[in-house]
ModelCIF file with pLDDT and N, C-alpha, C, O atoms, coordinates in Angstrom:
data_MODEL
#
_entry.id   MODEL 
#
_entity.id                         1 
_entity.type                       polymer 
_entity.pdbx_number_of_molecules   1 
#
_entity_poly.entity_id                      1 
_entity_poly.type                           'polypeptide(L)' 
_entity_poly.nstd_linkage                   no 
_entity_poly.nstd_monomer                   no 
_entity_poly.pdbx_seq_one_letter_code       DSVKGRFTISKDNAKNTLYLQMNSLKPEDTAMYYCAAKY 
_entity_poly.pdbx_seq_one_letter_code_can   DSVKGRFTISKDNAKNTLYLQMNSLKPEDTAMYYCAAKY 
_entity_poly.pdbx_strand_id                 A 
#
loop_
_entity_poly_seq.entity_id 
_entity_poly_seq.num 
_entity_poly_seq.mon_id 
_entity_poly_seq.hetero 
1 1  ASP n 
1 2  SER n 
1 3  VAL n 
1 4  LYS n 
1 5  GLY n 
1 6  ARG n 
1 7  PHE n 
1 8  THR n 
1 9  ILE n 
1 10 SER n 
1 11 LYS n 
1 12 ASP n 
1 13 ASN n 
1 14 ALA n 
1 15 LYS n 
1 16 ASN n 
1 17 THR n 
1 18 LEU n 
1 19 TYR n 
1 20 LEU n 
1 21 GLN n 
1 22 MET n 
1 23 ASN n 
1 24 SER n 
1 25 LEU n 
1 26 LYS n 
1 27 PRO n 
1 28 GLU n 
1 29 ASP n 
1 30 THR n 
1 31 ALA n 
1 32 MET n 
1 33 TYR n 
1 34 TYR n 
1 35 CYS n 
1 36 ALA n 
1 37 ALA n 
1 38 LYS n 
1 39 TYR n 
#
_struct_asym.id          A 
_struct_asym.entity_id   1 
#
loop_
_ma_qa_metric.id 
_ma_qa_metric.mode 
_ma_qa_metric.name 
_ma_qa_metric.software_group_id 
_ma_qa_metric.type 
1 global pLDDT . pLDDT 
2 local  pLDDT . pLDDT 
#
_ma_qa_metric_global.metric_id      1 
_ma_qa_metric_global.metric_value   95.90 
_ma_qa_metric_global.model_id       1 
_ma_qa_metric_global.ordinal_id     1 
#
loop_
_ma_qa_metric_local.label_asym_id 
_ma_qa_metric_local.label_comp_id 
_ma_qa_metric_local.label_seq_id 
_ma_qa_metric_local.metric_id 
_ma_qa_metric_local.metric_value 
_ma_qa_metric_local.model_id 
_ma_qa_metric_local.ordinal_id 
A ASP 1  2 97.00 1 1  
A SER 2  2 97.00 1 2  
A VAL 3  2 98.00 1 3  
A LYS 4  2 98.00 1 4  
A GLY 5  2 98.00 1 5  
A ARG 6  2 98.00 1 6  
A PHE 7  2 98.00 1 7  
A THR 8  2 98.00 1 8  
A ILE 9  2 98.00 1 9  
A SER 10 2 96.00 1 10 
A LYS 11 2 94.00 1 11 
A ASP 12 2 92.00 1 12 
A ASN 13 2 87.00 1 13 
A ALA 14 2 90.00 1 14 
A LYS 15 2 91.00 1 15 
A ASN 16 2 91.00 1 16 
A THR 17 2 94.00 1 17 
A LEU 18 2 96.00 1 18 
A TYR 19 2 97.00 1 19 
A LEU 20 2 98.00 1 20 
A GLN 21 2 98.00 1 21 
A MET 22 2 98.00 1 22 
A ASN 23 2 98.00 1 23 
A SER 24 2 98.00 1 24 
A LEU 25 2 98.00 1 25 
A LYS 26 2 98.00 1 26 
A PRO 27 2 97.00 1 27 
A GLU 28 2 97.00 1 28 
A ASP 29 2 98.00 1 29 
A THR 30 2 98.00 1 30 
A ALA 31 2 98.00 1 31 
A MET 32 2 98.00 1 32 
A TYR 33 2 98.00 1 33 
A TYR 34 2 98.00 1 34 
A CYS 35 2 97.00 1 35 
A ALA 36 2 96.00 1 36 
A ALA 37 2 94.00 1 37 
A LYS 38 2 91.00 1 38 
A TYR 39 2 86.00 1 39 
#
loop_
_atom_site.group_PDB 
_atom_site.id 
_atom_site.type_symbol 
_atom_site.label_atom_id 
_atom_site.label_alt_id 
_atom_site.label_comp_id 
_atom_site.label_asym_id 
_atom_site.label_entity_id 
_atom_site.label_seq_id 
_atom_site.pdbx_PDB_ins_code 
_atom_site.Cartn_x 
_atom_site.Cartn_y 
_atom_site.Cartn_z 
_atom_site.occupancy 
_atom_site.B_iso_or_equiv 
_atom_site.pdbx_formal_charge 
_atom_site.auth_seq_id 
_atom_site.auth_comp_id 
_atom_site.auth_asym_id 
_atom_site.auth_atom_id 
_atom_site.pdbx_PDB_model_num 
ATOM 1   N N  . ASP A 1 1  ? 32.833 3.328   -59.845 1.00 97.00 ? 1  ASP A N  1 
ATOM 2   C CA . ASP A 1 1  ? 31.974 2.343   -59.243 1.00 97.00 ? 1  ASP A CA 1 
ATOM 3   C C  . ASP A 1 1  ? 32.492 0.814   -59.181 1.00 97.00 ? 1  ASP A C  1 
ATOM 4   O O  . ASP A 1 1  ? 32.263 0.039   -58.252 1.00 97.00 ? 1  ASP A O  1 
ATOM 5   N N  . SER A 1 2  ? 33.245 0.524   -60.363 1.00 97.00 ? 2  SER A N  1 
ATOM 6   C CA . SER A 1 2  ? 33.487 -0.768  -60.336 1.00 97.00 ? 2  SER A CA 1 
ATOM 7   C C  . SER A 1 2  ? 34.481 -1.273  -59.399 1.00 97.00 ? 2  SER A C  1 
ATOM 8   O O  . SER A 1 2  ? 34.606 -2.487  -59.241 1.00 97.00 ? 2  SER A O  1 
ATOM 9   N N  . VAL A 1 3  ? 35.258 -0.362  -58.712 1.00 98.00 ? 3  VAL A N  1 
ATOM 10  C CA . VAL A 1 3  ? 36.366 -0.620  -57.621 1.00 98.00 ? 3  VAL A CA 1 
ATOM 11  C C  . VAL A 1 3  ? 36.015 -0.407  -56.189 1.00 98.00 ? 3  VAL A C  1 
ATOM 12  O O  . VAL A 1 3  ? 36.685 -0.757  -55.217 1.00 98.00 ? 3  VAL A O  1 
ATOM 13  N N  . LYS A 1 4  ? 34.809 0.248   -56.193 1.00 98.00 ? 4  LYS A N  1 
ATOM 14  C CA . LYS A 1 4  ? 34.380 0.726   -54.686 1.00 98.00 ? 4  LYS A CA 1 
ATOM 15  C C  . LYS A 1 4  ? 34.299 -0.480  -53.693 1.00 98.00 ? 4  LYS A C  1 
ATOM 16  O O  . LYS A 1 4  ? 33.534 -1.398  -53.988 1.00 98.00 ? 4  LYS A O  1 
ATOM 17  N N  . GLY A 1 5  ? 34.969 -0.544  -52.631 1.00 98.00 ? 5  GLY A N  1 
ATOM 18  C CA . GLY A 1 5  ? 34.894 -1.386  -51.462 1.00 98.00 ? 5  GLY A CA 1 
ATOM 19  C C  . GLY A 1 5  ? 36.116 -2.433  -51.766 1.00 98.00 ? 5  GLY A C  1 
ATOM 20  O O  . GLY A 1 5  ? 36.388 -3.271  -50.906 1.00 98.00 ? 5  GLY A O  1 
ATOM 21  N N  . ARG A 1 6  ? 36.760 -2.387  -52.844 1.00 98.00 ? 6  ARG A N  1 
ATOM 22  C CA . ARG A 1 6  ? 37.959 -3.355  -53.114 1.00 98.00 ? 6  ARG A CA 1 
ATOM 23  C C  . ARG A 1 6  ? 39.225 -2.476  -53.299 1.00 98.00 ? 6  ARG A C  1 
ATOM 24  O O  . ARG A 1 6  ? 40.283 -3.038  -53.013 1.00 98.00 ? 6  ARG A O  1 
ATOM 25  N N  . PHE A 1 7  ? 39.290 -1.265  -53.704 1.00 98.00 ? 7  PHE A N  1 
ATOM 26  C CA . PHE A 1 7  ? 40.432 -0.563  -53.979 1.00 98.00 ? 7  PHE A CA 1 
ATOM 27  C C  . PHE A 1 7  ? 40.581 0.639   -52.858 1.00 98.00 ? 7  PHE A C  1 
ATOM 28  O O  . PHE A 1 7  ? 39.595 1.229   -52.417 1.00 98.00 ? 7  PHE A O  1 
ATOM 29  N N  . THR A 1 8  ? 41.807 0.902   -52.491 1.00 98.00 ? 8  THR A N  1 
ATOM 30  C CA . THR A 1 8  ? 41.918 1.864   -51.629 1.00 98.00 ? 8  THR A CA 1 
ATOM 31  C C  . THR A 1 8  ? 42.991 2.759   -52.130 1.00 98.00 ? 8  THR A C  1 
ATOM 32  O O  . THR A 1 8  ? 44.025 2.156   -52.419 1.00 98.00 ? 8  THR A O  1 
ATOM 33  N N  . ILE A 1 9  ? 43.013 4.239   -52.335 1.00 98.00 ? 9  ILE A N  1 
ATOM 34  C CA . ILE A 1 9  ? 43.888 5.109   -52.798 1.00 98.00 ? 9  ILE A CA 1 
ATOM 35  C C  . ILE A 1 9  ? 44.362 5.863   -51.496 1.00 98.00 ? 9  ILE A C  1 
ATOM 36  O O  . ILE A 1 9  ? 43.553 6.226   -50.642 1.00 98.00 ? 9  ILE A O  1 
ATOM 37  N N  . SER A 1 10 ? 45.755 6.081   -51.392 1.00 96.00 ? 10 SER A N  1 
ATOM 38  C CA . SER A 1 10 ? 46.348 6.808   -50.367 1.00 96.00 ? 10 SER A CA 1 
ATOM 39  C C  . SER A 1 10 ? 47.518 7.522   -50.660 1.00 96.00 ? 10 SER A C  1 
ATOM 40  O O  . SER A 1 10 ? 47.935 7.282   -51.792 1.00 96.00 ? 10 SER A O  1 
ATOM 41  N N  . LYS A 1 11 ? 48.242 8.390   -49.959 1.00 94.00 ? 11 LYS A N  1 
ATOM 42  C CA . LYS A 1 11 ? 49.250 9.179   -50.539 1.00 94.00 ? 11 LYS A CA 1 
ATOM 43  C C  . LYS A 1 11 ? 50.101 9.530   -49.190 1.00 94.00 ? 11 LYS A C  1 
ATOM 44  O O  . LYS A 1 11 ? 49.571 9.927   -48.153 1.00 94.00 ? 11 LYS A O  1 
ATOM 45  N N  . ASP A 1 12 ? 51.220 9.363   -49.330 1.00 92.00 ? 12 ASP A N  1 
ATOM 46  C CA . ASP A 1 12 ? 52.275 9.554   -48.274 1.00 92.00 ? 12 ASP A CA 1 
ATOM 47  C C  . ASP A 1 12 ? 53.125 10.935  -48.804 1.00 92.00 ? 12 ASP A C  1 
ATOM 48  O O  . ASP A 1 12 ? 54.054 10.783  -49.599 1.00 92.00 ? 12 ASP A O  1 
ATOM 49  N N  . ASN A 1 13 ? 52.791 12.137  -48.369 1.00 87.00 ? 13 ASN A N  1 
ATOM 50  C CA . ASN A 1 13 ? 53.501 13.213  -48.748 1.00 87.00 ? 13 ASN A CA 1 
ATOM 51  C C  . ASN A 1 13 ? 54.713 13.455  -48.430 1.00 87.00 ? 13 ASN A C  1 
ATOM 52  O O  . ASN A 1 13 ? 55.417 14.191  -49.122 1.00 87.00 ? 13 ASN A O  1 
ATOM 53  N N  . ALA A 1 14 ? 55.191 12.799  -47.195 1.00 90.00 ? 14 ALA A N  1 
ATOM 54  C CA . ALA A 1 14 ? 56.647 12.935  -46.847 1.00 90.00 ? 14 ALA A CA 1 
ATOM 55  C C  . ALA A 1 14 ? 57.527 12.136  -47.956 1.00 90.00 ? 14 ALA A C  1 
ATOM 56  O O  . ALA A 1 14 ? 58.674 12.502  -48.212 1.00 90.00 ? 14 ALA A O  1 
ATOM 57  N N  . LYS A 1 15 ? 56.948 11.075  -48.568 1.00 91.00 ? 15 LYS A N  1 
ATOM 58  C CA . LYS A 1 15 ? 57.837 10.286  -49.258 1.00 91.00 ? 15 LYS A CA 1 
ATOM 59  C C  . LYS A 1 15 ? 57.397 10.601  -50.731 1.00 91.00 ? 15 LYS A C  1 
ATOM 60  O O  . LYS A 1 15 ? 57.857 9.891   -51.626 1.00 91.00 ? 15 LYS A O  1 
ATOM 61  N N  . ASN A 1 16 ? 56.626 11.512  -51.005 1.00 91.00 ? 16 ASN A N  1 
ATOM 62  C CA . ASN A 1 16 ? 56.055 12.033  -52.463 1.00 91.00 ? 16 ASN A CA 1 
ATOM 63  C C  . ASN A 1 16 ? 55.774 10.618  -53.109 1.00 91.00 ? 16 ASN A C  1 
ATOM 64  O O  . ASN A 1 16 ? 56.314 10.312  -54.173 1.00 91.00 ? 16 ASN A O  1 
ATOM 65  N N  . THR A 1 17 ? 54.927 9.770   -52.450 1.00 94.00 ? 17 THR A N  1 
ATOM 66  C CA . THR A 1 17 ? 54.470 8.609   -53.186 1.00 94.00 ? 17 THR A CA 1 
ATOM 67  C C  . THR A 1 17 ? 52.948 8.352   -52.959 1.00 94.00 ? 17 THR A C  1 
ATOM 68  O O  . THR A 1 17 ? 52.403 8.498   -51.865 1.00 94.00 ? 17 THR A O  1 
ATOM 69  N N  . LEU A 1 18 ? 52.348 7.974   -54.042 1.00 96.00 ? 18 LEU A N  1 
ATOM 70  C CA . LEU A 1 18 ? 51.014 7.595   -54.180 1.00 96.00 ? 18 LEU A CA 1 
ATOM 71  C C  . LEU A 1 18 ? 50.853 6.078   -54.230 1.00 96.00 ? 18 LEU A C  1 
ATOM 72  O O  . LEU A 1 18 ? 51.671 5.389   -54.839 1.00 96.00 ? 18 LEU A O  1 
ATOM 73  N N  . TYR A 1 19 ? 49.745 5.521   -53.557 1.00 97.00 ? 19 TYR A N  1 
ATOM 74  C CA . TYR A 1 19 ? 49.559 4.035   -53.481 1.00 97.00 ? 19 TYR A CA 1 
ATOM 75  C C  . TYR A 1 19 ? 48.181 3.772   -53.970 1.00 97.00 ? 19 TYR A C  1 
ATOM 76  O O  . TYR A 1 19 ? 47.325 4.655   -54.020 1.00 97.00 ? 19 TYR A O  1 
ATOM 77  N N  . LEU A 1 20 ? 47.981 2.510   -54.337 1.00 98.00 ? 20 LEU A N  1 
ATOM 78  C CA . LEU A 1 20 ? 46.579 2.133   -54.842 1.00 98.00 ? 20 LEU A CA 1 
ATOM 79  C C  . LEU A 1 20 ? 46.733 0.455   -54.156 1.00 98.00 ? 20 LEU A C  1 
ATOM 80  O O  . LEU A 1 20 ? 47.564 -0.348  -54.577 1.00 98.00 ? 20 LEU A O  1 
ATOM 81  N N  . GLN A 1 21 ? 45.907 0.206   -53.214 1.00 98.00 ? 21 GLN A N  1 
ATOM 82  C CA . GLN A 1 21 ? 45.851 -1.135  -52.581 1.00 98.00 ? 21 GLN A CA 1 
ATOM 83  C C  . GLN A 1 21 ? 44.749 -1.615  -53.363 1.00 98.00 ? 21 GLN A C  1 
ATOM 84  O O  . GLN A 1 21 ? 43.729 -0.933  -53.463 1.00 98.00 ? 21 GLN A O  1 
ATOM 85  N N  . MET A 1 22 ? 44.878 -2.862  -53.992 1.00 98.00 ? 22 MET A N  1 
ATOM 86  C CA . MET A 1 22 ? 43.754 -3.474  -54.836 1.00 98.00 ? 22 MET A CA 1 
ATOM 87  C C  . MET A 1 22 ? 43.513 -4.839  -54.208 1.00 98.00 ? 22 MET A C  1 
ATOM 88  O O  . MET A 1 22 ? 44.399 -5.690  -54.283 1.00 98.00 ? 22 MET A O  1 
ATOM 89  N N  . ASN A 1 23 ? 42.330 -5.101  -53.575 1.00 98.00 ? 23 ASN A N  1 
ATOM 90  C CA . ASN A 1 23 ? 41.978 -6.295  -53.041 1.00 98.00 ? 23 ASN A CA 1 
ATOM 91  C C  . ASN A 1 23 ? 40.878 -7.025  -53.729 1.00 98.00 ? 23 ASN A C  1 
ATOM 92  O O  . ASN A 1 23 ? 40.118 -6.309  -54.381 1.00 98.00 ? 23 ASN A O  1 
ATOM 93  N N  . SER A 1 24 ? 40.650 -8.247  -53.719 1.00 98.00 ? 24 SER A N  1 
ATOM 94  C CA . SER A 1 24 ? 39.611 -9.134  -54.240 1.00 98.00 ? 24 SER A CA 1 
ATOM 95  C C  . SER A 1 24 ? 39.725 -8.789  -55.740 1.00 98.00 ? 24 SER A C  1 
ATOM 96  O O  . SER A 1 24 ? 38.723 -8.320  -56.280 1.00 98.00 ? 24 SER A O  1 
ATOM 97  N N  . LEU A 1 25 ? 40.765 -8.959  -56.415 1.00 98.00 ? 25 LEU A N  1 
ATOM 98  C CA . LEU A 1 25 ? 40.986 -8.561  -57.845 1.00 98.00 ? 25 LEU A CA 1 
ATOM 99  C C  . LEU A 1 25 ? 40.150 -9.442  -58.690 1.00 98.00 ? 25 LEU A C  1 
ATOM 100 O O  . LEU A 1 25 ? 40.037 -10.615 -58.334 1.00 98.00 ? 25 LEU A O  1 
ATOM 101 N N  . LYS A 1 26 ? 39.541 -9.031  -59.777 1.00 98.00 ? 26 LYS A N  1 
ATOM 102 C CA . LYS A 1 26 ? 38.920 -9.671  -60.727 1.00 98.00 ? 26 LYS A CA 1 
ATOM 103 C C  . LYS A 1 26 ? 39.505 -9.706  -61.999 1.00 98.00 ? 26 LYS A C  1 
ATOM 104 O O  . LYS A 1 26 ? 40.369 -8.860  -62.229 1.00 98.00 ? 26 LYS A O  1 
ATOM 105 N N  . PRO A 1 27 ? 39.150 -10.679 -63.052 1.00 97.00 ? 27 PRO A N  1 
ATOM 106 C CA . PRO A 1 27 ? 39.744 -10.454 -64.248 1.00 97.00 ? 27 PRO A CA 1 
ATOM 107 C C  . PRO A 1 27 ? 39.506 -9.187  -65.204 1.00 97.00 ? 27 PRO A C  1 
ATOM 108 O O  . PRO A 1 27 ? 40.285 -8.813  -66.081 1.00 97.00 ? 27 PRO A O  1 
ATOM 109 N N  . GLU A 1 28 ? 38.337 -8.628  -64.881 1.00 97.00 ? 28 GLU A N  1 
ATOM 110 C CA . GLU A 1 28 ? 38.044 -7.398  -65.495 1.00 97.00 ? 28 GLU A CA 1 
ATOM 111 C C  . GLU A 1 28 ? 39.004 -6.243  -65.089 1.00 97.00 ? 28 GLU A C  1 
ATOM 112 O O  . GLU A 1 28 ? 38.959 -5.198  -65.738 1.00 97.00 ? 28 GLU A O  1 
ATOM 113 N N  . ASP A 1 29 ? 39.881 -6.376  -64.036 1.00 98.00 ? 29 ASP A N  1 
ATOM 114 C CA . ASP A 1 29 ? 40.679 -5.354  -63.569 1.00 98.00 ? 29 ASP A CA 1 
ATOM 115 C C  . ASP A 1 29 ? 41.924 -5.432  -64.369 1.00 98.00 ? 29 ASP A C  1 
ATOM 116 O O  . ASP A 1 29 ? 42.744 -4.527  -64.215 1.00 98.00 ? 29 ASP A O  1 
ATOM 117 N N  . THR A 1 30 ? 42.186 -6.427  -65.235 1.00 98.00 ? 30 THR A N  1 
ATOM 118 C CA . THR A 1 30 ? 43.379 -6.520  -65.965 1.00 98.00 ? 30 THR A CA 1 
ATOM 119 C C  . THR A 1 30 ? 43.542 -5.261  -66.978 1.00 98.00 ? 30 THR A C  1 
ATOM 120 O O  . THR A 1 30 ? 42.720 -5.046  -67.869 1.00 98.00 ? 30 THR A O  1 
ATOM 121 N N  . ALA A 1 31 ? 44.544 -4.553  -66.778 1.00 98.00 ? 31 ALA A N  1 
ATOM 122 C CA . ALA A 1 31 ? 44.864 -3.492  -67.630 1.00 98.00 ? 31 ALA A CA 1 
ATOM 123 C C  . ALA A 1 31 ? 46.311 -2.836  -67.167 1.00 98.00 ? 31 ALA A C  1 
ATOM 124 O O  . ALA A 1 31 ? 46.994 -3.146  -66.191 1.00 98.00 ? 31 ALA A O  1 
ATOM 125 N N  . MET A 1 32 ? 46.547 -1.891  -68.115 1.00 98.00 ? 32 MET A N  1 
ATOM 126 C CA . MET A 1 32 ? 47.813 -1.138  -67.869 1.00 98.00 ? 32 MET A CA 1 
ATOM 127 C C  . MET A 1 32 ? 47.458 0.007   -66.919 1.00 98.00 ? 32 MET A C  1 
ATOM 128 O O  . MET A 1 32 ? 46.631 0.834   -67.303 1.00 98.00 ? 32 MET A O  1 
ATOM 129 N N  . TYR A 1 33 ? 47.993 0.117   -65.758 1.00 98.00 ? 33 TYR A N  1 
ATOM 130 C CA . TYR A 1 33 ? 47.635 1.008   -64.701 1.00 98.00 ? 33 TYR A CA 1 
ATOM 131 C C  . TYR A 1 33 ? 48.691 2.385   -64.891 1.00 98.00 ? 33 TYR A C  1 
ATOM 132 O O  . TYR A 1 33 ? 49.883 2.224   -65.155 1.00 98.00 ? 33 TYR A O  1 
ATOM 133 N N  . TYR A 1 34 ? 48.154 3.564   -64.740 1.00 98.00 ? 34 TYR A N  1 
ATOM 134 C CA . TYR A 1 34 ? 48.914 4.725   -65.011 1.00 98.00 ? 34 TYR A CA 1 
ATOM 135 C C  . TYR A 1 34 ? 48.726 5.620   -63.702 1.00 98.00 ? 34 TYR A C  1 
ATOM 136 O O  . TYR A 1 34 ? 47.635 5.678   -63.134 1.00 98.00 ? 34 TYR A O  1 
ATOM 137 N N  . CYS A 1 35 ? 49.784 6.272   -63.283 1.00 97.00 ? 35 CYS A N  1 
ATOM 138 C CA . CYS A 1 35 ? 49.663 7.410   -62.382 1.00 97.00 ? 35 CYS A CA 1 
ATOM 139 C C  . CYS A 1 35 ? 49.645 8.672   -62.930 1.00 97.00 ? 35 CYS A C  1 
ATOM 140 O O  . CYS A 1 35 ? 50.371 8.840   -63.910 1.00 97.00 ? 35 CYS A O  1 
ATOM 141 N N  . ALA A 1 36 ? 48.866 9.773   -62.460 1.00 96.00 ? 36 ALA A N  1 
ATOM 142 C CA . ALA A 1 36 ? 48.886 10.987  -62.942 1.00 96.00 ? 36 ALA A CA 1 
ATOM 143 C C  . ALA A 1 36 ? 48.822 12.027  -61.948 1.00 96.00 ? 36 ALA A C  1 
ATOM 144 O O  . ALA A 1 36 ? 48.378 11.741  -60.836 1.00 96.00 ? 36 ALA A O  1 
ATOM 145 N N  . ALA A 1 37 ? 49.241 13.295  -62.226 1.00 94.00 ? 37 ALA A N  1 
ATOM 146 C CA . ALA A 1 37 ? 49.434 14.362  -61.398 1.00 94.00 ? 37 ALA A CA 1 
ATOM 147 C C  . ALA A 1 37 ? 49.125 15.834  -62.017 1.00 94.00 ? 37 ALA A C  1 
ATOM 148 O O  . ALA A 1 37 ? 49.416 16.172  -63.164 1.00 94.00 ? 37 ALA A O  1 
ATOM 149 N N  . LYS A 1 38 ? 48.512 16.607  -61.090 1.00 91.00 ? 38 LYS A N  1 
ATOM 150 C CA . LYS A 1 38 ? 48.365 17.972  -61.554 1.00 91.00 ? 38 LYS A CA 1 
ATOM 151 C C  . LYS A 1 38 ? 48.459 18.917  -60.523 1.00 91.00 ? 38 LYS A C  1 
ATOM 152 O O  . LYS A 1 38 ? 48.418 18.398  -59.408 1.00 91.00 ? 38 LYS A O  1 
ATOM 153 N N  . TYR A 1 39 ? 48.572 20.144  -60.537 1.00 86.00 ? 39 TYR A N  1 
ATOM 154 C CA . TYR A 1 39 ? 48.711 21.252  -59.528 1.00 86.00 ? 39 TYR A CA 1 
ATOM 155 C C  . TYR A 1 39 ? 47.487 22.158  -59.581 1.00 86.00 ? 39 TYR A C  1 
ATOM 156 O O  . TYR A 1 39 ? 47.405 23.130  -58.831 1.00 86.00 ? 39 TYR A O  1 
#
């Protein structure tokens, strides 16, 4: 809920790459960001 409307997640399967577009960043967004995967 805290990032709805500001962040967008997308995936490029051809490049095996996950993205996170972060707009309108706020100080409370400060953190270590991790990518995770499962099958």
